[in-house]
Amino acid sequence: MFRLNSKSRSHRLCALVADDEGVALACVDHAKEEKPVLEYCAFHPLEQEQSLAALLKKTVAQYRLDRTRCSTLLAAQDYQLLMVEAPEVPAAELKAAIRWRVRDLIDFHIDDAVLDVFDMPPSGARKVQESLYVVVSRAAVVEQRTQRLQEAGVELAVIDIPELALRNIAARVPHDANGQVLLYFNASQGLITLTRDATLYLARGMEFGWSQLLDSPALAERLALELQRSMDYYDRHFQQAPINQLTLCAAPQGVGGLAEQLMQLTGIEVQVLGAADVIDVPAGVDDAELARCLLAIGAALRSEPAQL
């Protein structure tokens, strides 16, 4: 997505994902293209009175990441993912035309924005490229994240978004060739992606996470309704065969009975997915740690050298 200058060119990519709870880290070796290898992953909680900058610097030093290509993810509140009509302009003029189109869709001045574009799948019976996905963020937010990591000693190669980290994971699930819905939750938020053949078709954010799902099982009905609406839109807009597979990402505290609930509510098979299903994991890594680092693993699974 937002690519930065990086001198290193290797088959190793690490991801650092920082939030108010701490820093998740994952390093992936892409030498085996058919199934990359997770070298290690770890989550380091933010301790009381410890700054995030200090924790990042400590993590970079501990794992000697100062000479390793690294990526990171924007937080959900730091960007907007917009669906925009594709302008009929030469490729060299695309971003300028997109900036003009999104200026009224954001709540800050377009001169303060940084954006990137990636293709949406063609829609309708004629399979015409009608729309593009546009990621828009405040330039100051991107600069702040870049500076924070660089001050910690990171050689930052790219800043990505969670939707594409999940796309990287979904792409390695065999049934993705026929389409799937992937569900990911952290403690307070959720994300639904619809992918097919390693391509992101649709993404929906949910304002509740595992803590709310565990406290209020009735939220499963709300989730099932949103899943059905998303799949109906996918069928109607993209005119693809219906999706018949739901993939629920494992959570640090387990998924409880959510998989069974969703299967009953939607009538669709639900698979619980762990990191070991999509990447070679070293022996002895705790399942809860893998689940806590799943977004970082997805970010580190990014393999495209130039395009999304």
Protein backbone atom coordinates (compact mmCIF):
# COMPACT_ATOMS: atom_id res chain seq x y z
CA MET A 1 0.00 0.00 0.00
CA PHE A 2 1.96 3.07 1.20
CA ARG A 3 5.42 1.96 0.09
CA LEU A 4 8.54 3.59 1.44
CA ASN A 5 12.11 3.56 0.19
CA SER A 6 13.89 0.42 1.33
CA LYS A 7 17.38 -0.65 0.36
CA SER A 8 17.04 -4.25 1.53
CA ARG A 9 15.74 -6.82 -0.94
CA SER A 10 15.37 -10.23 0.62
CA HIS A 11 12.91 -13.06 1.04
CA ARG A 12 12.40 -12.14 4.70
CA LEU A 13 9.71 -9.73 5.88
CA CYS A 14 8.84 -8.80 9.44
CA ALA A 15 5.75 -6.94 10.62
CA LEU A 16 5.34 -4.82 13.72
CA VAL A 17 1.76 -3.98 14.69
CA ALA A 18 1.47 -1.57 17.60
CA ASP A 19 -1.67 -0.56 19.46
CA ASP A 20 -2.74 0.57 22.93
CA GLU A 21 -2.26 -2.97 24.28
CA GLY A 22 1.28 -3.55 23.03
CA VAL A 23 3.32 -4.69 20.05
CA ALA A 24 2.71 -7.81 17.97
CA LEU A 25 5.66 -9.04 15.92
CA ALA A 26 5.93 -11.67 13.18
CA CYS A 27 8.82 -12.55 10.88
CA VAL A 28 8.20 -14.66 7.77
CA ASP A 29 10.68 -16.33 5.44
CA HIS A 30 9.28 -16.38 1.89
CA ALA A 31 12.01 -18.56 0.40
CA LYS A 32 9.55 -21.48 0.15
CA GLU A 33 6.95 -19.80 -2.01
CA GLU A 34 4.43 -22.65 -1.74
CA LYS A 35 4.26 -22.30 2.05
CA PRO A 36 6.27 -19.56 3.78
CA VAL A 37 7.87 -20.24 7.14
CA LEU A 38 7.09 -18.32 10.29
CA GLU A 39 10.47 -17.77 11.90
CA TYR A 40 8.94 -16.42 15.10
CA CYS A 41 6.14 -14.30 16.45
CA ALA A 42 5.58 -12.62 19.79
CA PHE A 43 3.28 -10.21 21.54
CA HIS A 44 4.78 -7.78 24.02
CA PRO A 45 2.18 -6.05 26.23
CA LEU A 46 2.53 -2.39 27.03
CA GLU A 47 3.44 -2.19 30.69
CA GLN A 48 2.18 0.44 33.09
CA GLU A 49 3.90 3.81 32.60
CA GLN A 50 5.83 2.43 29.59
CA SER A 51 5.60 4.44 26.38
CA LEU A 52 4.84 2.75 23.08
CA ALA A 53 7.97 4.32 21.59
CA ALA A 54 10.10 2.72 24.33
CA LEU A 55 8.45 -0.68 23.81
CA LEU A 56 9.02 -0.50 20.06
CA LYS A 57 12.68 0.40 20.52
CA LYS A 58 13.14 -2.46 22.99
CA THR A 59 11.44 -4.95 20.63
CA VAL A 60 13.53 -3.85 17.62
CA ALA A 61 16.73 -4.23 19.63
CA GLN A 62 15.72 -7.60 21.12
CA TYR A 63 15.01 -9.15 17.71
CA ARG A 64 17.71 -7.23 15.81
CA LEU A 65 15.24 -5.82 13.31
CA ASP A 66 17.31 -2.77 12.39
CA ARG A 67 18.57 -4.43 9.19
CA THR A 68 15.39 -6.33 8.28
CA ARG A 69 12.66 -5.20 5.90
CA CYS A 70 9.61 -4.44 8.00
CA SER A 71 5.99 -3.56 7.48
CA THR A 72 3.28 -2.23 9.74
CA LEU A 73 -0.48 -1.72 9.71
CA LEU A 74 -2.59 1.36 10.15
CA ALA A 75 -5.19 1.14 12.92
CA ALA A 76 -8.86 1.11 11.91
CA GLN A 77 -9.37 4.70 13.07
CA ASP A 78 -6.39 5.97 11.04
CA TYR A 79 -7.77 5.54 7.52
CA GLN A 80 -10.83 5.14 5.34
CA LEU A 81 -11.29 2.43 2.72
CA LEU A 82 -13.50 3.89 0.00
CA MET A 83 -15.10 2.41 -3.09
CA VAL A 84 -14.78 4.98 -5.89
CA GLU A 85 -15.91 4.99 -9.52
CA ALA A 86 -12.90 4.32 -11.75
CA PRO A 87 -12.01 7.45 -13.75
CA GLU A 88 -11.28 7.11 -17.45
CA VAL A 89 -7.82 8.66 -17.40
CA PRO A 90 -4.28 7.49 -18.27
CA ALA A 91 -2.50 5.58 -15.52
CA ALA A 92 -0.15 8.52 -14.89
CA GLU A 93 -3.14 10.73 -14.04
CA LEU A 94 -5.04 8.20 -11.93
CA LYS A 95 -4.10 9.39 -8.45
CA ALA A 96 -4.75 13.03 -9.31
CA ALA A 97 -8.19 12.11 -10.62
CA ILE A 98 -8.91 9.99 -7.55
CA ARG A 99 -7.92 12.83 -5.23
CA TRP A 100 -10.52 15.00 -6.95
CA ARG A 101 -13.20 12.33 -6.49
CA VAL A 102 -12.60 11.58 -2.81
CA ARG A 103 -12.30 15.19 -1.61
CA ASP A 104 -15.96 15.28 -0.58
CA LEU A 105 -15.91 11.81 0.99
CA ILE A 106 -13.44 12.61 3.78
CA ASP A 107 -13.77 14.86 6.81
CA PHE A 108 -10.49 16.74 6.32
CA HIS A 109 -8.91 18.77 3.52
CA ILE A 110 -7.66 16.77 0.56
CA ASP A 111 -4.33 18.64 0.70
CA ASP A 112 -3.75 16.97 4.07
CA ALA A 113 -4.43 13.48 2.69
CA VAL A 114 -2.24 10.68 1.44
CA LEU A 115 -3.87 7.93 -0.58
CA ASP A 116 -3.24 4.73 -2.48
CA VAL A 117 -5.37 2.80 -4.93
CA PHE A 118 -5.90 -0.86 -5.70
CA ASP A 119 -8.22 -2.60 -8.11
CA MET A 120 -11.62 -3.95 -7.27
CA PRO A 121 -12.73 -7.03 -9.20
CA PRO A 122 -14.85 -6.33 -12.30
CA SER A 123 -18.58 -6.25 -11.60
CA GLY A 124 -21.76 -7.18 -13.42
CA ALA A 125 -22.39 -9.59 -16.22
CA ARG A 126 -20.04 -7.73 -18.57
CA LYS A 127 -17.20 -7.97 -16.02
CA VAL A 128 -16.32 -4.30 -16.41
CA GLN A 129 -13.84 -2.55 -14.11
CA GLU A 130 -16.24 0.05 -12.71
CA SER A 131 -14.72 0.86 -9.31
CA LEU A 132 -11.47 1.10 -7.40
CA TYR A 133 -10.62 0.80 -3.73
CA VAL A 134 -8.98 3.90 -2.31
CA VAL A 135 -7.19 3.99 1.03
CA VAL A 136 -7.13 7.52 2.44
CA SER A 137 -5.31 8.68 5.54
CA ARG A 138 -4.15 11.94 7.00
CA ALA A 139 -0.58 12.53 5.88
CA ALA A 140 0.30 13.48 9.45
CA VAL A 141 -0.87 10.07 10.72
CA VAL A 142 1.27 8.17 8.20
CA GLU A 143 4.23 10.42 8.93
CA GLN A 144 3.82 9.90 12.67
CA ARG A 145 3.74 6.10 12.35
CA THR A 146 6.71 6.14 9.98
CA GLN A 147 8.74 8.40 12.25
CA ARG A 148 7.91 6.38 15.39
CA LEU A 149 9.14 3.15 13.81
CA GLN A 150 12.18 4.71 12.18
CA GLU A 151 13.20 6.27 15.50
CA ALA A 152 12.98 2.76 16.96
CA GLY A 153 15.49 1.63 14.33
CA VAL A 154 13.09 -0.05 11.88
CA GLU A 155 13.75 -0.11 8.15
CA LEU A 156 10.13 0.40 7.19
CA ALA A 157 9.29 -0.85 3.70
CA VAL A 158 5.50 -0.52 3.60
CA ILE A 159 2.52 0.63 5.63
CA ASP A 160 -0.47 -1.62 5.00
CA ILE A 161 -4.05 -2.03 6.25
CA PRO A 162 -5.70 -4.92 8.13
CA GLU A 163 -8.02 -5.76 5.20
CA LEU A 164 -5.03 -6.64 3.04
CA ALA A 165 -3.28 -8.51 5.85
CA LEU A 166 -6.38 -10.70 6.09
CA ARG A 167 -6.42 -11.02 2.30
CA ASN A 168 -2.89 -12.44 2.52
CA ILE A 169 -4.11 -15.04 5.01
CA ALA A 170 -7.26 -15.89 3.05
CA ALA A 171 -5.23 -16.39 -0.11
CA ARG A 172 -3.49 -19.38 1.51
CA VAL A 173 -6.70 -21.18 2.44
CA PRO A 174 -7.44 -23.82 -0.26
CA HIS A 175 -11.14 -23.03 -0.59
CA ASP A 176 -10.36 -19.37 -1.32
CA ALA A 177 -10.30 -20.35 -4.99
CA ASN A 178 -14.10 -20.65 -4.81
CA GLY A 179 -14.66 -17.71 -2.46
CA GLN A 180 -14.87 -17.36 1.29
CA VAL A 181 -15.86 -15.04 4.09
CA LEU A 182 -13.09 -14.50 6.63
CA LEU A 183 -13.97 -13.22 10.11
CA TYR A 184 -11.36 -11.70 12.40
CA PHE A 185 -11.91 -10.23 15.87
CA ASN A 186 -9.66 -8.62 18.41
CA ALA A 187 -10.84 -7.64 21.89
CA SER A 188 -12.93 -4.67 20.76
CA GLN A 189 -13.38 -4.76 16.97
CA GLY A 190 -14.12 -7.14 14.15
CA LEU A 191 -13.43 -7.28 10.43
CA ILE A 192 -15.23 -9.26 7.74
CA THR A 193 -13.58 -9.79 4.36
CA LEU A 194 -14.95 -11.51 1.26
CA THR A 195 -12.23 -12.86 -0.98
CA ARG A 196 -11.99 -15.08 -4.00
CA ASP A 197 -8.83 -16.35 -5.65
CA ALA A 198 -6.55 -14.11 -3.54
CA THR A 199 -8.58 -10.99 -4.41
CA LEU A 200 -10.38 -8.74 -1.94
CA TYR A 201 -13.97 -8.19 -3.02
CA LEU A 202 -15.54 -6.63 0.05
CA ALA A 203 -14.67 -5.62 3.62
CA ARG A 204 -16.88 -4.66 6.54
CA GLY A 205 -15.82 -3.43 9.97
CA MET A 206 -17.69 -4.43 13.14
CA GLU A 207 -17.69 -2.22 16.23
CA PHE A 208 -17.59 -5.15 18.65
CA GLY A 209 -14.96 -7.75 19.39
CA TRP A 210 -14.40 -10.95 21.35
CA SER A 211 -15.05 -9.38 24.73
CA GLN A 212 -18.52 -8.24 23.65
CA LEU A 213 -19.28 -11.52 21.86
CA LEU A 214 -18.43 -13.50 24.99
CA ASP A 215 -20.47 -11.17 27.22
CA SER A 216 -23.47 -11.01 24.86
CA PRO A 217 -23.97 -14.17 22.78
CA ALA A 218 -26.98 -12.49 21.11
CA LEU A 219 -24.47 -10.47 19.07
CA ALA A 220 -23.97 -13.62 17.00
CA GLU A 221 -27.39 -12.96 15.43
CA ARG A 222 -26.32 -9.43 14.50
CA LEU A 223 -23.10 -10.80 13.05
CA ALA A 224 -24.98 -13.43 11.04
CA LEU A 225 -27.25 -10.72 9.61
CA GLU A 226 -24.26 -8.64 8.53
CA LEU A 227 -22.69 -11.73 6.97
CA GLN A 228 -25.85 -12.42 4.99
CA ARG A 229 -26.08 -8.82 3.79
CA SER A 230 -22.44 -8.86 2.70
CA MET A 231 -22.83 -12.15 0.82
CA ASP A 232 -26.02 -10.91 -0.87
CA TYR A 233 -24.17 -7.81 -2.05
CA TYR A 234 -21.30 -9.96 -3.31
CA ASP A 235 -23.70 -12.18 -5.28
CA ARG A 236 -25.65 -9.26 -6.73
CA HIS A 237 -22.86 -6.80 -7.51
CA PHE A 238 -20.12 -9.14 -8.70
CA GLN A 239 -22.40 -11.87 -10.05
CA GLN A 240 -20.24 -14.66 -8.66
CA ALA A 241 -21.30 -18.09 -7.49
CA PRO A 242 -22.59 -17.92 -3.89
CA ILE A 243 -20.02 -18.29 -1.13
CA ASN A 244 -20.48 -21.48 0.87
CA GLN A 245 -17.57 -21.24 3.30
CA LEU A 246 -17.12 -19.11 6.41
CA THR A 247 -13.64 -18.98 7.94
CA LEU A 248 -13.39 -17.84 11.56
CA CYS A 249 -9.94 -16.81 12.71
CA ALA A 250 -8.88 -18.34 16.01
CA ALA A 251 -8.78 -16.01 19.02
CA PRO A 252 -6.36 -16.00 21.99
CA GLN A 253 -9.17 -17.03 24.35
CA GLY A 254 -10.74 -19.53 21.94
CA VAL A 255 -13.88 -19.09 19.86
CA GLY A 256 -16.33 -20.65 22.31
CA GLY A 257 -19.51 -21.77 20.58
CA LEU A 258 -19.46 -19.00 17.94
CA ALA A 259 -18.62 -21.33 15.06
CA GLU A 260 -21.60 -23.56 15.85
CA GLN A 261 -23.88 -20.53 16.30
CA LEU A 262 -22.91 -19.07 12.96
CA MET A 263 -23.35 -22.40 11.22
CA GLN A 264 -26.88 -22.68 12.61
CA LEU A 265 -27.78 -19.06 11.84
CA THR A 266 -26.38 -18.96 8.29
CA GLY A 267 -26.60 -22.59 7.18
CA ILE A 268 -23.02 -22.32 5.91
CA GLU A 269 -20.05 -24.44 6.95
CA VAL A 270 -17.69 -22.68 9.36
CA GLN A 271 -14.00 -23.49 9.62
CA VAL A 272 -11.91 -22.24 12.55
CA LEU A 273 -8.57 -21.12 11.13
CA GLY A 274 -5.27 -20.95 12.96
CA ALA A 275 -1.95 -19.59 11.72
CA ALA A 276 -0.58 -23.13 11.30
CA ASP A 277 -3.19 -23.71 8.57
CA VAL A 278 -1.58 -21.14 6.27
CA ILE A 279 2.09 -21.02 7.25
CA ASP A 280 4.78 -23.37 8.59
CA VAL A 281 4.96 -22.71 12.32
CA PRO A 282 7.96 -23.68 14.48
CA ALA A 283 7.34 -26.24 17.21
CA GLY A 284 6.40 -24.98 20.62
CA VAL A 285 4.68 -21.75 19.62
CA ASP A 286 1.61 -21.19 21.78
CA ASP A 287 -1.75 -21.12 19.95
CA ALA A 288 -2.86 -18.06 21.92
CA GLU A 289 0.31 -16.22 20.89
CA LEU A 290 -0.28 -17.16 17.25
CA ALA A 291 -3.83 -15.85 17.44
CA ARG A 292 -2.71 -12.61 19.10
CA CYS A 293 -0.15 -12.09 16.33
CA LEU A 294 -2.39 -13.11 13.42
CA LEU A 295 -2.65 -9.64 11.85
CA ALA A 296 1.12 -9.23 12.08
CA ILE A 297 1.53 -12.64 10.42
CA GLY A 298 -0.84 -11.54 7.67
CA ALA A 299 1.13 -8.35 7.14
CA ALA A 300 4.40 -10.32 7.00
CA LEU A 301 2.85 -12.70 4.44
CA ARG A 302 2.72 -9.87 1.93
CA SER A 303 4.62 -11.08 -1.11
CA GLU A 304 3.87 -8.59 -3.89
CA PRO A 305 7.02 -6.67 -4.78
CA ALA A 306 5.32 -3.80 -6.57
CA GLN A 307 1.56 -4.04 -6.68
CA LEU A 308 -1.25 -5.07 -4.36
